[in-house]
Amino acid sequence: MENEVTRDTQDKTIAIVAYLTIIGLVVALVLNNEKRDLFAKYHIRQSLGLVLTSLALSLINVIPILGWIVSMVGAFVLLYMWVMGLLNAINGREKPVPILGEKYEEWLKSV
């Protein structure tokens, strides 16, 4: 397994909560603010990247016809990425979400 080690239950919980809606992401940021666990921070960045990608898809959705098609396909891809990220957090793995996960790490390294 890639980067799999024994994780503290609280760290895994914070990582999982980060994937549960935008409110969960904010809660995870607040909970991890004091402890600054690297595992939780990793999944917070991945989740934040998914939220930002979702916002970008919402903007594309405004474009008639082509935007709607791209947005629908993007929504299914985003759902797949979200499920994979959540499963990685549940299993205690520090593995990037498919397609854009490595870019999220690069773009959001200051978070």
PDB file of N, CA and C in Angstrom:
ATOM      1  N   MET A   1       0.837  -1.182   0.000  1.00  0.00           N
ATOM      2  CA  MET A   1       0.000   0.000   0.000  1.00  0.00           C
ATOM      3  C   MET A   1       0.880   1.242   0.000  1.00  0.00           C
ATOM      4  N   GLU A   2       0.464   2.226  -0.720  1.00  0.00           N
ATOM      5  CA  GLU A   2       1.240   3.453  -0.891  1.00  0.00           C
ATOM      6  C   GLU A   2       1.070   4.387   0.304  1.00  0.00           C
ATOM      7  N   ASN A   3       2.179   4.712   0.973  1.00  0.00           N
ATOM      8  CA  ASN A   3       2.192   5.646   2.104  1.00  0.00           C
ATOM      9  C   ASN A   3       1.185   5.284   3.187  1.00  0.00           C
ATOM     10  N   GLU A   4       0.999   4.001   3.446  1.00  0.00           N
ATOM     11  CA  GLU A   4       0.034   3.588   4.462  1.00  0.00           C
ATOM     12  C   GLU A   4       0.774   3.283   5.752  1.00  0.00           C
ATOM     13  N   VAL A   5       0.433   3.978   6.802  1.00  0.00           N
ATOM     14  CA  VAL A   5       0.991   3.747   8.125  1.00  0.00           C
ATOM     15  C   VAL A   5      -0.162   3.791   9.120  1.00  0.00           C
ATOM     16  N   THR A   6       0.122   3.410  10.357  1.00  0.00           N
ATOM     17  CA  THR A   6      -0.909   3.481  11.385  1.00  0.00           C
ATOM     18  C   THR A   6      -1.197   4.940  11.686  1.00  0.00           C
ATOM     19  N   ARG A   7      -2.453   5.314  11.604  1.00  0.00           N
ATOM     20  CA  ARG A   7      -2.865   6.706  11.795  1.00  0.00           C
ATOM     21  C   ARG A   7      -3.605   6.856  13.113  1.00  0.00           C
ATOM     22  N   ASP A   8      -3.451   8.021  13.720  1.00  0.00           N
ATOM     23  CA  ASP A   8      -4.224   8.381  14.897  1.00  0.00           C
ATOM     24  C   ASP A   8      -5.687   8.510  14.473  1.00  0.00           C
ATOM     25  N   THR A   9      -6.595   8.026  15.301  1.00  0.00           N
ATOM     26  CA  THR A   9      -8.021   8.068  14.969  1.00  0.00           C
ATOM     27  C   THR A   9      -8.507   9.485  14.730  1.00  0.00           C
ATOM     28  N   GLN A  10      -8.044  10.432  15.537  1.00  0.00           N
ATOM     29  CA  GLN A  10      -8.477  11.820  15.370  1.00  0.00           C
ATOM     30  C   GLN A  10      -8.000  12.384  14.028  1.00  0.00           C
ATOM     31  N   ASP A  11      -6.783  12.050  13.623  1.00  0.00           N
ATOM     32  CA  ASP A  11      -6.256  12.531  12.344  1.00  0.00           C
ATOM     33  C   ASP A  11      -7.066  11.970  11.176  1.00  0.00           C
ATOM     34  N   LYS A  12      -7.406  10.676  11.249  1.00  0.00           N
ATOM     35  CA  LYS A  12      -8.229  10.075  10.202  1.00  0.00           C
ATOM     36  C   LYS A  12      -9.616  10.705  10.174  1.00  0.00           C
ATOM     37  N   THR A  13     -10.162  10.982  11.347  1.00  0.00           N
ATOM     38  CA  THR A  13     -11.489  11.594  11.419  1.00  0.00           C
ATOM     39  C   THR A  13     -11.482  12.971  10.771  1.00  0.00           C
ATOM     40  N   ILE A  14     -10.459  13.760  11.063  1.00  0.00           N
ATOM     41  CA  ILE A  14     -10.348  15.092  10.457  1.00  0.00           C
ATOM     42  C   ILE A  14     -10.237  14.966   8.941  1.00  0.00           C
ATOM     43  N   ALA A  15      -9.435  14.006   8.470  1.00  0.00           N
ATOM     44  CA  ALA A  15      -9.263  13.805   7.028  1.00  0.00           C
ATOM     45  C   ALA A  15     -10.582  13.404   6.371  1.00  0.00           C
ATOM     46  N   ILE A  16     -11.349  12.549   7.027  1.00  0.00           N
ATOM     47  CA  ILE A  16     -12.635  12.111   6.478  1.00  0.00           C
ATOM     48  C   ILE A  16     -13.634  13.261   6.461  1.00  0.00           C
ATOM     49  N   VAL A  17     -13.694  14.021   7.548  1.00  0.00           N
ATOM     50  CA  VAL A  17     -14.629  15.151   7.646  1.00  0.00           C
ATOM     51  C   VAL A  17     -14.353  16.180   6.552  1.00  0.00           C
ATOM     52  N   ALA A  18     -13.097  16.317   6.149  1.00  0.00           N
ATOM     53  CA  ALA A  18     -12.734  17.285   5.105  1.00  0.00           C
ATOM     54  C   ALA A  18     -13.475  17.021   3.797  1.00  0.00           C
ATOM     55  N   TYR A  19     -13.844  15.771   3.547  1.00  0.00           N
ATOM     56  CA  TYR A  19     -14.535  15.423   2.301  1.00  0.00           C
ATOM     57  C   TYR A  19     -16.056  15.545   2.403  1.00  0.00           C
ATOM     58  N   LEU A  20     -16.575  15.834   3.592  1.00  0.00           N
ATOM     59  CA  LEU A  20     -18.023  15.883   3.789  1.00  0.00           C
ATOM     60  C   LEU A  20     -18.536  17.308   3.671  1.00  0.00           C
ATOM     61  N   THR A  21     -18.832  17.739   2.487  1.00  0.00           N
ATOM     62  CA  THR A  21     -19.363  19.063   2.136  1.00  0.00           C
ATOM     63  C   THR A  21     -18.383  20.186   2.468  1.00  0.00           C
ATOM     64  N   ILE A  22     -18.736  21.370   2.070  1.00  0.00           N
ATOM     65  CA  ILE A  22     -17.893  22.544   2.329  1.00  0.00           C
ATOM     66  C   ILE A  22     -17.833  22.824   3.827  1.00  0.00           C
ATOM     67  N   ILE A  23     -18.934  22.597   4.519  1.00  0.00           N
ATOM     68  CA  ILE A  23     -18.952  22.806   5.972  1.00  0.00           C
ATOM     69  C   ILE A  23     -17.973  21.845   6.643  1.00  0.00           C
ATOM     70  N   GLY A  24     -17.933  20.608   6.192  1.00  0.00           N
ATOM     71  CA  GLY A  24     -16.976  19.638   6.715  1.00  0.00           C
ATOM     72  C   GLY A  24     -15.543  20.078   6.482  1.00  0.00           C
ATOM     73  N   LEU A  25     -15.292  20.676   5.330  1.00  0.00           N
ATOM     74  CA  LEU A  25     -13.956  21.185   5.022  1.00  0.00           C
ATOM     75  C   LEU A  25     -13.568  22.288   5.995  1.00  0.00           C
ATOM     76  N   VAL A  26     -14.491  23.199   6.272  1.00  0.00           N
ATOM     77  CA  VAL A  26     -14.222  24.288   7.223  1.00  0.00           C
ATOM     78  C   VAL A  26     -13.988  23.720   8.624  1.00  0.00           C
ATOM     79  N   VAL A  27     -14.810  22.748   9.027  1.00  0.00           N
ATOM     80  CA  VAL A  27     -14.637  22.115  10.338  1.00  0.00           C
ATOM     81  C   VAL A  27     -13.268  21.442  10.419  1.00  0.00           C
ATOM     82  N   ALA A  28     -12.869  20.737   9.367  1.00  0.00           N
ATOM     83  CA  ALA A  28     -11.564  20.073   9.350  1.00  0.00           C
ATOM     84  C   ALA A  28     -10.430  21.090   9.447  1.00  0.00           C
ATOM     85  N   LEU A  29     -10.560  22.211   8.747  1.00  0.00           N
ATOM     86  CA  LEU A  29      -9.542  23.264   8.838  1.00  0.00           C
ATOM     87  C   LEU A  29      -9.413  23.782  10.263  1.00  0.00           C
ATOM     88  N   VAL A  30     -10.535  24.006  10.919  1.00  0.00           N
ATOM     89  CA  VAL A  30     -10.520  24.515  12.299  1.00  0.00           C
ATOM     90  C   VAL A  30      -9.942  23.469  13.249  1.00  0.00           C
ATOM     91  N   LEU A  31     -10.368  22.210  13.113  1.00  0.00           N
ATOM     92  CA  LEU A  31      -9.870  21.157  13.996  1.00  0.00           C
ATOM     93  C   LEU A  31      -8.376  20.914  13.812  1.00  0.00           C
ATOM     94  N   ASN A  32      -7.902  21.031  12.595  1.00  0.00           N
ATOM     95  CA  ASN A  32      -6.486  20.773  12.326  1.00  0.00           C
ATOM     96  C   ASN A  32      -5.618  22.003  12.542  1.00  0.00           C
ATOM     97  N   ASN A  33      -6.215  23.148  12.756  1.00  0.00           N
ATOM     98  CA  ASN A  33      -5.457  24.384  12.922  1.00  0.00           C
ATOM     99  C   ASN A  33      -4.510  24.314  14.111  1.00  0.00           C
ATOM    100  N   GLU A  34      -4.962  23.704  15.202  1.00  0.00           N
ATOM    101  CA  GLU A  34      -4.146  23.628  16.409  1.00  0.00           C
ATOM    102  C   GLU A  34      -3.094  22.525  16.315  1.00  0.00           C
ATOM    103  N   LYS A  35      -3.497  21.337  15.844  1.00  0.00           N
ATOM    104  CA  LYS A  35      -2.609  20.174  15.830  1.00  0.00           C
ATOM    105  C   LYS A  35      -1.673  20.153  14.614  1.00  0.00           C
ATOM    106  N   ARG A  36      -2.163  20.611  13.497  1.00  0.00           N
ATOM    107  CA  ARG A  36      -1.399  20.651  12.247  1.00  0.00           C
ATOM    108  C   ARG A  36      -0.820  19.285  11.836  1.00  0.00           C
ATOM    109  N   ASP A  37      -1.670  18.281  11.848  1.00  0.00           N
ATOM    110  CA  ASP A  37      -1.258  16.947  11.426  1.00  0.00           C
ATOM    111  C   ASP A  37      -1.072  16.920   9.911  1.00  0.00           C
ATOM    112  N   LEU A  38       0.013  16.331   9.445  1.00  0.00           N
ATOM    113  CA  LEU A  38       0.328  16.324   8.013  1.00  0.00           C
ATOM    114  C   LEU A  38      -0.657  15.479   7.204  1.00  0.00           C
ATOM    115  N   PHE A  39      -1.117  14.361   7.781  1.00  0.00           N
ATOM    116  CA  PHE A  39      -2.082  13.510   7.081  1.00  0.00           C
ATOM    117  C   PHE A  39      -3.399  14.250   6.863  1.00  0.00           C
ATOM    118  N   ALA A  40      -3.904  14.875   7.916  1.00  0.00           N
ATOM    119  CA  ALA A  40      -5.153  15.636   7.806  1.00  0.00           C
ATOM    120  C   ALA A  40      -4.968  16.809   6.851  1.00  0.00           C
ATOM    121  N   LYS A  41      -3.829  17.473   6.942  1.00  0.00           N
ATOM    122  CA  LYS A  41      -3.542  18.620   6.073  1.00  0.00           C
ATOM    123  C   LYS A  41      -3.528  18.196   4.601  1.00  0.00           C
ATOM    124  N   TYR A  42      -2.963  17.028   4.334  1.00  0.00           N
ATOM    125  CA  TYR A  42      -2.913  16.499   2.973  1.00  0.00           C
ATOM    126  C   TYR A  42      -4.330  16.342   2.408  1.00  0.00           C
ATOM    127  N   HIS A  43      -5.216  15.726   3.190  1.00  0.00           N
ATOM    128  CA  HIS A  43      -6.578  15.491   2.705  1.00  0.00           C
ATOM    129  C   HIS A  43      -7.409  16.771   2.683  1.00  0.00           C
ATOM    130  N   ILE A  44      -7.097  17.716   3.540  1.00  0.00           N
ATOM    131  CA  ILE A  44      -7.769  19.020   3.480  1.00  0.00           C
ATOM    132  C   ILE A  44      -7.432  19.703   2.156  1.00  0.00           C
ATOM    133  N   ARG A  45      -6.163  19.631   1.743  1.00  0.00           N
ATOM    134  CA  ARG A  45      -5.763  20.220   0.454  1.00  0.00           C
ATOM    135  C   ARG A  45      -6.464  19.526  -0.706  1.00  0.00           C
ATOM    136  N   GLN A  46      -6.541  18.203  -0.658  1.00  0.00           N
ATOM    137  CA  GLN A  46      -7.209  17.463  -1.728  1.00  0.00           C
ATOM    138  C   GLN A  46      -8.690  17.847  -1.804  1.00  0.00           C
ATOM    139  N   SER A  47      -9.339  17.934  -0.660  1.00  0.00           N
ATOM    140  CA  SER A  47     -10.752  18.298  -0.620  1.00  0.00           C
ATOM    141  C   SER A  47     -10.969  19.734  -1.091  1.00  0.00           C
ATOM    142  N   LEU A  48     -10.105  20.638  -0.681  1.00  0.00           N
ATOM    143  CA  LEU A  48     -10.205  22.029  -1.126  1.00  0.00           C
ATOM    144  C   LEU A  48     -10.049  22.110  -2.644  1.00  0.00           C
ATOM    145  N   GLY A  49      -9.146  21.327  -3.203  1.00  0.00           N
ATOM    146  CA  GLY A  49      -8.985  21.279  -4.652  1.00  0.00           C
ATOM    147  C   GLY A  49     -10.254  20.807  -5.343  1.00  0.00           C
ATOM    148  N   LEU A  50     -10.915  19.810  -4.766  1.00  0.00           N
ATOM    149  CA  LEU A  50     -12.173  19.325  -5.336  1.00  0.00           C
ATOM    150  C   LEU A  50     -13.257  20.396  -5.277  1.00  0.00           C
ATOM    151  N   VAL A  51     -13.315  21.135  -4.178  1.00  0.00           N
ATOM    152  CA  VAL A  51     -14.308  22.212  -4.047  1.00  0.00           C
ATOM    153  C   VAL A  51     -14.045  23.300  -5.086  1.00  0.00           C
ATOM    154  N   LEU A  52     -12.782  23.678  -5.258  1.00  0.00           N
ATOM    155  CA  LEU A  52     -12.445  24.715  -6.238  1.00  0.00           C
ATOM    156  C   LEU A  52     -12.743  24.241  -7.662  1.00  0.00           C
ATOM    157  N   THR A  53     -12.496  22.966  -7.940  1.00  0.00           N
ATOM    158  CA  THR A  53     -12.827  22.408  -9.250  1.00  0.00           C
ATOM    159  C   THR A  53     -14.336  22.426  -9.468  1.00  0.00           C
ATOM    160  N   SER A  54     -15.085  22.135  -8.428  1.00  0.00           N
ATOM    161  CA  SER A  54     -16.541  22.188  -8.503  1.00  0.00           C
ATOM    162  C   SER A  54     -17.031  23.600  -8.806  1.00  0.00           C
ATOM    163  N   LEU A  55     -16.415  24.591  -8.185  1.00  0.00           N
ATOM    164  CA  LEU A  55     -16.780  25.982  -8.467  1.00  0.00           C
ATOM    165  C   LEU A  55     -16.465  26.351  -9.917  1.00  0.00           C
ATOM    166  N   ALA A  56     -15.330  25.874 -10.421  1.00  0.00           N
ATOM    167  CA  ALA A  56     -14.973  26.139 -11.816  1.00  0.00           C
ATOM    168  C   ALA A  56     -15.996  25.502 -12.760  1.00  0.00           C
ATOM    169  N   LEU A  57     -16.441  24.288 -12.432  1.00  0.00           N
ATOM    170  CA  LEU A  57     -17.470  23.634 -13.248  1.00  0.00           C
ATOM    171  C   LEU A  57     -18.782  24.408 -13.210  1.00  0.00           C
ATOM    172  N   SER A  58     -19.096  25.014 -12.072  1.00  0.00           N
ATOM    173  CA  SER A  58     -20.317  25.822 -11.969  1.00  0.00           C
ATOM    174  C   SER A  58     -20.249  27.015 -12.902  1.00  0.00           C
ATOM    175  N   LEU A  59     -19.072  27.613 -13.007  1.00  0.00           N
ATOM    176  CA  LEU A  59     -18.912  28.755 -13.909  1.00  0.00           C
ATOM    177  C   LEU A  59     -19.037  28.328 -15.367  1.00  0.00           C
ATOM    178  N   ILE A  60     -18.500  27.160 -15.692  1.00  0.00           N
ATOM    179  CA  ILE A  60     -18.592  26.645 -17.062  1.00  0.00           C
ATOM    180  C   ILE A  60     -20.044  26.316 -17.404  1.00  0.00           C
ATOM    181  N   ASN A  61     -20.818  25.922 -16.408  1.00  0.00           N
ATOM    182  CA  ASN A  61     -22.219  25.553 -16.602  1.00  0.00           C
ATOM    183  C   ASN A  61     -23.060  26.710 -17.143  1.00  0.00           C
ATOM    184  N   VAL A  62     -22.598  27.933 -16.986  1.00  0.00           N
ATOM    185  CA  VAL A  62     -23.329  29.114 -17.457  1.00  0.00           C
ATOM    186  C   VAL A  62     -23.357  29.178 -18.990  1.00  0.00           C
ATOM    187  N   ILE A  63     -22.358  28.614 -19.636  1.00  0.00           N
ATOM    188  CA  ILE A  63     -22.277  28.630 -21.100  1.00  0.00           C
ATOM    189  C   ILE A  63     -23.358  27.703 -21.664  1.00  0.00           C
ATOM    190  N   PRO A  64     -24.210  28.207 -22.541  1.00  0.00           N
ATOM    191  CA  PRO A  64     -25.286  27.369 -23.094  1.00  0.00           C
ATOM    192  C   PRO A  64     -24.753  26.166 -23.873  1.00  0.00           C
ATOM    193  N   ILE A  65     -25.419  25.080 -23.788  1.00  0.00           N
ATOM    194  CA  ILE A  65     -25.234  23.806 -24.464  1.00  0.00           C
ATOM    195  C   ILE A  65     -23.863  23.183 -24.212  1.00  0.00           C
ATOM    196  N   LEU A  66     -22.788  23.710 -24.773  1.00  0.00           N
ATOM    197  CA  LEU A  66     -21.465  23.121 -24.582  1.00  0.00           C
ATOM    198  C   LEU A  66     -21.073  23.138 -23.109  1.00  0.00           C
ATOM    199  N   GLY A  67     -21.346  24.226 -22.436  1.00  0.00           N
ATOM    200  CA  GLY A  67     -21.043  24.333 -21.010  1.00  0.00           C
ATOM    201  C   GLY A  67     -21.816  23.318 -20.190  1.00  0.00           C
ATOM    202  N   TRP A  68     -23.067  23.078 -20.573  1.00  0.00           N
ATOM    203  CA  TRP A  68     -23.885  22.108 -19.859  1.00  0.00           C
ATOM    204  C   TRP A  68     -23.323  20.700 -20.021  1.00  0.00           C
ATOM    205  N   ILE A  69     -22.896  20.383 -21.234  1.00  0.00           N
ATOM    206  CA  ILE A  69     -22.341  19.052 -21.501  1.00  0.00           C
ATOM    207  C   ILE A  69     -21.046  18.860 -20.723  1.00  0.00           C
ATOM    208  N   VAL A  70     -20.157  19.837 -20.814  1.00  0.00           N
ATOM    209  CA  VAL A  70     -18.877  19.761 -20.099  1.00  0.00           C
ATOM    210  C   VAL A  70     -19.126  19.667 -18.596  1.00  0.00           C
ATOM    211  N   SER A  71     -20.079  20.434 -18.112  1.00  0.00           N
ATOM    212  CA  SER A  71     -20.393  20.444 -16.686  1.00  0.00           C
ATOM    213  C   SER A  71     -20.935  19.091 -16.219  1.00  0.00           C
ATOM    214  N   MET A  72     -21.774  18.459 -17.021  1.00  0.00           N
ATOM    215  CA  MET A  72     -22.326  17.147 -16.652  1.00  0.00           C
ATOM    216  C   MET A  72     -21.238  16.079 -16.612  1.00  0.00           C
ATOM    217  N   VAL A  73     -20.402  16.044 -17.640  1.00  0.00           N
ATOM    218  CA  VAL A  73     -19.301  15.079 -17.666  1.00  0.00           C
ATOM    219  C   VAL A  73     -18.350  15.358 -16.502  1.00  0.00           C
ATOM    220  N   GLY A  74     -18.049  16.632 -16.298  1.00  0.00           N
ATOM    221  CA  GLY A  74     -17.164  17.028 -15.205  1.00  0.00           C
ATOM    222  C   GLY A  74     -17.714  16.646 -13.847  1.00  0.00           C
ATOM    223  N   ALA A  75     -19.032  16.719 -13.685  1.00  0.00           N
ATOM    224  CA  ALA A  75     -19.651  16.358 -12.408  1.00  0.00           C
ATOM    225  C   ALA A  75     -19.443  14.873 -12.098  1.00  0.00           C
ATOM    226  N   PHE A  76     -19.553  14.014 -13.111  1.00  0.00           N
ATOM    227  CA  PHE A  76     -19.329  12.587 -12.889  1.00  0.00           C
ATOM    228  C   PHE A  76     -17.860  12.298 -12.585  1.00  0.00           C
ATOM    229  N   VAL A  77     -16.969  12.971 -13.281  1.00  0.00           N
ATOM    230  CA  VAL A  77     -15.536  12.810 -13.021  1.00  0.00           C
ATOM    231  C   VAL A  77     -15.209  13.300 -11.612  1.00  0.00           C
ATOM    232  N   LEU A  78     -15.787  14.430 -11.238  1.00  0.00           N
ATOM    233  CA  LEU A  78     -15.570  14.991  -9.905  1.00  0.00           C
ATOM    234  C   LEU A  78     -16.107  14.053  -8.820  1.00  0.00           C
ATOM    235  N   LEU A  79     -17.251  13.432  -9.066  1.00  0.00           N
ATOM    236  CA  LEU A  79     -17.803  12.468  -8.115  1.00  0.00           C
ATOM    237  C   LEU A  79     -16.846  11.295  -7.929  1.00  0.00           C
ATOM    238  N   TYR A  80     -16.294  10.787  -9.017  1.00  0.00           N
ATOM    239  CA  TYR A  80     -15.316   9.695  -8.948  1.00  0.00           C
ATOM    240  C   TYR A  80     -14.087  10.120  -8.144  1.00  0.00           C
ATOM    241  N   MET A  81     -13.581  11.330  -8.406  1.00  0.00           N
ATOM    242  CA  MET A  81     -12.410  11.834  -7.681  1.00  0.00           C
ATOM    243  C   MET A  81     -12.719  11.973  -6.191  1.00  0.00           C
ATOM    244  N   TRP A  82     -13.921  12.462  -5.862  1.00  0.00           N
ATOM    245  CA  TRP A  82     -14.321  12.651  -4.475  1.00  0.00           C
ATOM    246  C   TRP A  82     -14.391  11.307  -3.741  1.00  0.00           C
ATOM    247  N   VAL A  83     -15.000  10.301  -4.380  1.00  0.00           N
ATOM    248  CA  VAL A  83     -15.111   8.976  -3.763  1.00  0.00           C
ATOM    249  C   VAL A  83     -13.724   8.389  -3.520  1.00  0.00           C
ATOM    250  N   MET A  84     -12.828   8.513  -4.481  1.00  0.00           N
ATOM    251  CA  MET A  84     -11.473   7.981  -4.315  1.00  0.00           C
ATOM    252  C   MET A  84     -10.735   8.696  -3.181  1.00  0.00           C
ATOM    253  N   GLY A  85     -10.883  10.012  -3.093  1.00  0.00           N
ATOM    254  CA  GLY A  85     -10.253  10.761  -2.012  1.00  0.00           C
ATOM    255  C   GLY A  85     -10.792  10.348  -0.655  1.00  0.00           C
ATOM    256  N   LEU A  86     -12.100  10.193  -0.563  1.00  0.00           N
ATOM    257  CA  LEU A  86     -12.726   9.770   0.693  1.00  0.00           C
ATOM    258  C   LEU A  86     -12.255   8.371   1.083  1.00  0.00           C
ATOM    259  N   LEU A  87     -12.196   7.459   0.133  1.00  0.00           N
ATOM    260  CA  LEU A  87     -11.713   6.102   0.421  1.00  0.00           C
ATOM    261  C   LEU A  87     -10.257   6.117   0.873  1.00  0.00           C
ATOM    262  N   ASN A  88      -9.437   6.962   0.270  1.00  0.00           N
ATOM    263  CA  ASN A  88      -8.043   7.078   0.704  1.00  0.00           C
ATOM    264  C   ASN A  88      -7.960   7.569   2.144  1.00  0.00           C
ATOM    265  N   ALA A  89      -8.786   8.538   2.503  1.00  0.00           N
ATOM    266  CA  ALA A  89      -8.796   9.052   3.879  1.00  0.00           C
ATOM    267  C   ALA A  89      -9.265   7.972   4.851  1.00  0.00           C
ATOM    268  N   ILE A  90     -10.305   7.241   4.483  1.00  0.00           N
ATOM    269  CA  ILE A  90     -10.830   6.178   5.348  1.00  0.00           C
ATOM    270  C   ILE A  90      -9.784   5.096   5.568  1.00  0.00           C
ATOM    271  N   ASN A  91      -9.049   4.748   4.514  1.00  0.00           N
ATOM    272  CA  ASN A  91      -8.043   3.687   4.599  1.00  0.00           C
ATOM    273  C   ASN A  91      -6.691   4.165   5.113  1.00  0.00           C
ATOM    274  N   GLY A  92      -6.572   5.443   5.428  1.00  0.00           N
ATOM    275  CA  GLY A  92      -5.329   5.968   5.992  1.00  0.00           C
ATOM    276  C   GLY A  92      -4.208   6.134   4.982  1.00  0.00           C
ATOM    277  N   ARG A  93      -4.554   6.332   3.719  1.00  0.00           N
ATOM    278  CA  ARG A  93      -3.547   6.484   2.660  1.00  0.00           C
ATOM    279  C   ARG A  93      -3.380   7.940   2.260  1.00  0.00           C
ATOM    280  N   GLU A  94      -2.160   8.333   2.044  1.00  0.00           N
ATOM    281  CA  GLU A  94      -1.843   9.667   1.521  1.00  0.00           C
ATOM    282  C   GLU A  94      -1.609   9.534   0.024  1.00  0.00           C
ATOM    283  N   LYS A  95      -2.676   9.330  -0.696  1.00  0.00           N
ATOM    284  CA  LYS A  95      -2.599   9.125  -2.141  1.00  0.00           C
ATOM    285  C   LYS A  95      -3.443  10.208  -2.804  1.00  0.00           C
ATOM    286  N   PRO A  96      -2.911  10.879  -3.828  1.00  0.00           N
ATOM    287  CA  PRO A  96      -3.679  11.963  -4.458  1.00  0.00           C
ATOM    288  C   PRO A  96      -4.919  11.435  -5.184  1.00  0.00           C
ATOM    289  N   VAL A  97      -5.945  12.285  -5.248  1.00  0.00           N
ATOM    290  CA  VAL A  97      -7.138  11.909  -5.998  1.00  0.00           C
ATOM    291  C   VAL A  97      -6.748  11.784  -7.470  1.00  0.00           C
ATOM    292  N   PRO A  98      -7.455  10.935  -8.227  1.00  0.00           N
ATOM    293  CA  PRO A  98      -7.106  10.759  -9.639  1.00  0.00           C
ATOM    294  C   PRO A  98      -7.220  12.064 -10.433  1.00  0.00           C
ATOM    295  N   ILE A  99      -6.489  12.151 -11.480  1.00  0.00           N
ATOM    296  CA  ILE A  99      -6.489  13.216 -12.481  1.00  0.00           C
ATOM    297  C   ILE A  99      -5.810  14.494 -11.989  1.00  0.00           C
ATOM    298  N   LEU A 100      -6.358  15.180 -10.984  1.00  0.00           N
ATOM    299  CA  LEU A 100      -5.822  16.483 -10.570  1.00  0.00           C
ATOM    300  C   LEU A 100      -5.173  16.497  -9.190  1.00  0.00           C
ATOM    301  N   GLY A 101      -5.125  15.376  -8.506  1.00  0.00           N
ATOM    302  CA  GLY A 101      -4.616  15.335  -7.135  1.00  0.00           C
ATOM    303  C   GLY A 101      -3.212  15.884  -6.965  1.00  0.00           C
ATOM    304  N   GLU A 102      -2.314  15.534  -7.878  1.00  0.00           N
ATOM    305  CA  GLU A 102      -0.936  16.040  -7.784  1.00  0.00           C
ATOM    306  C   GLU A 102      -0.889  17.542  -8.040  1.00  0.00           C
ATOM    307  N   LYS A 103      -1.730  18.021  -8.937  1.00  0.00           N
ATOM    308  CA  LYS A 103      -1.804  19.469  -9.195  1.00  0.00           C
ATOM    309  C   LYS A 103      -2.345  20.201  -7.974  1.00  0.00           C
ATOM    310  N   TYR A 104      -3.336  19.605  -7.287  1.00  0.00           N
ATOM    311  CA  TYR A 104      -3.863  20.228  -6.072  1.00  0.00           C
ATOM    312  C   TYR A 104      -2.745  20.417  -5.047  1.00  0.00           C
ATOM    313  N   GLU A 105      -1.885  19.411  -4.918  1.00  0.00           N
ATOM    314  CA  GLU A 105      -0.767  19.512  -3.974  1.00  0.00           C
ATOM    315  C   GLU A 105       0.172  20.650  -4.363  1.00  0.00           C
ATOM    316  N   GLU A 106       0.417  20.772  -5.638  1.00  0.00           N
ATOM    317  CA  GLU A 106       1.305  21.828  -6.136  1.00  0.00           C
ATOM    318  C   GLU A 106       0.673  23.209  -5.950  1.00  0.00           C
ATOM    319  N   TRP A 107      -0.584  23.348  -6.305  1.00  0.00           N
ATOM    320  CA  TRP A 107      -1.259  24.647  -6.265  1.00  0.00           C
ATOM    321  C   TRP A 107      -1.603  25.090  -4.851  1.00  0.00           C
ATOM    322  N   LEU A 108      -1.894  24.143  -3.970  1.00  0.00           N
ATOM    323  CA  LEU A 108      -2.386  24.483  -2.630  1.00  0.00           C
ATOM    324  C   LEU A 108      -1.374  24.166  -1.530  1.00  0.00           C
ATOM    325  N   LYS A 109      -0.093  24.159  -1.856  1.00  0.00           N
ATOM    326  CA  LYS A 109       0.914  23.786  -0.859  1.00  0.00           C
ATOM    327  C   LYS A 109       0.979  24.751   0.320  1.00  0.00           C
ATOM    328  N   SER A 110       0.480  25.959   0.169  1.00  0.00           N
ATOM    329  CA  SER A 110       0.524  26.925   1.274  1.00  0.00           C
ATOM    330  C   SER A 110      -0.622  26.736   2.268  1.00  0.00           C
ATOM    331  N   VAL A 111      -1.577  25.866   1.947  1.00  0.00           N
ATOM    332  CA  VAL A 111      -2.728  25.650   2.845  1.00  0.00           C
ATOM    333  C   VAL A 111      -2.328  24.702   3.951  1.00  0.00           C
TER     334      VAL A 111
END
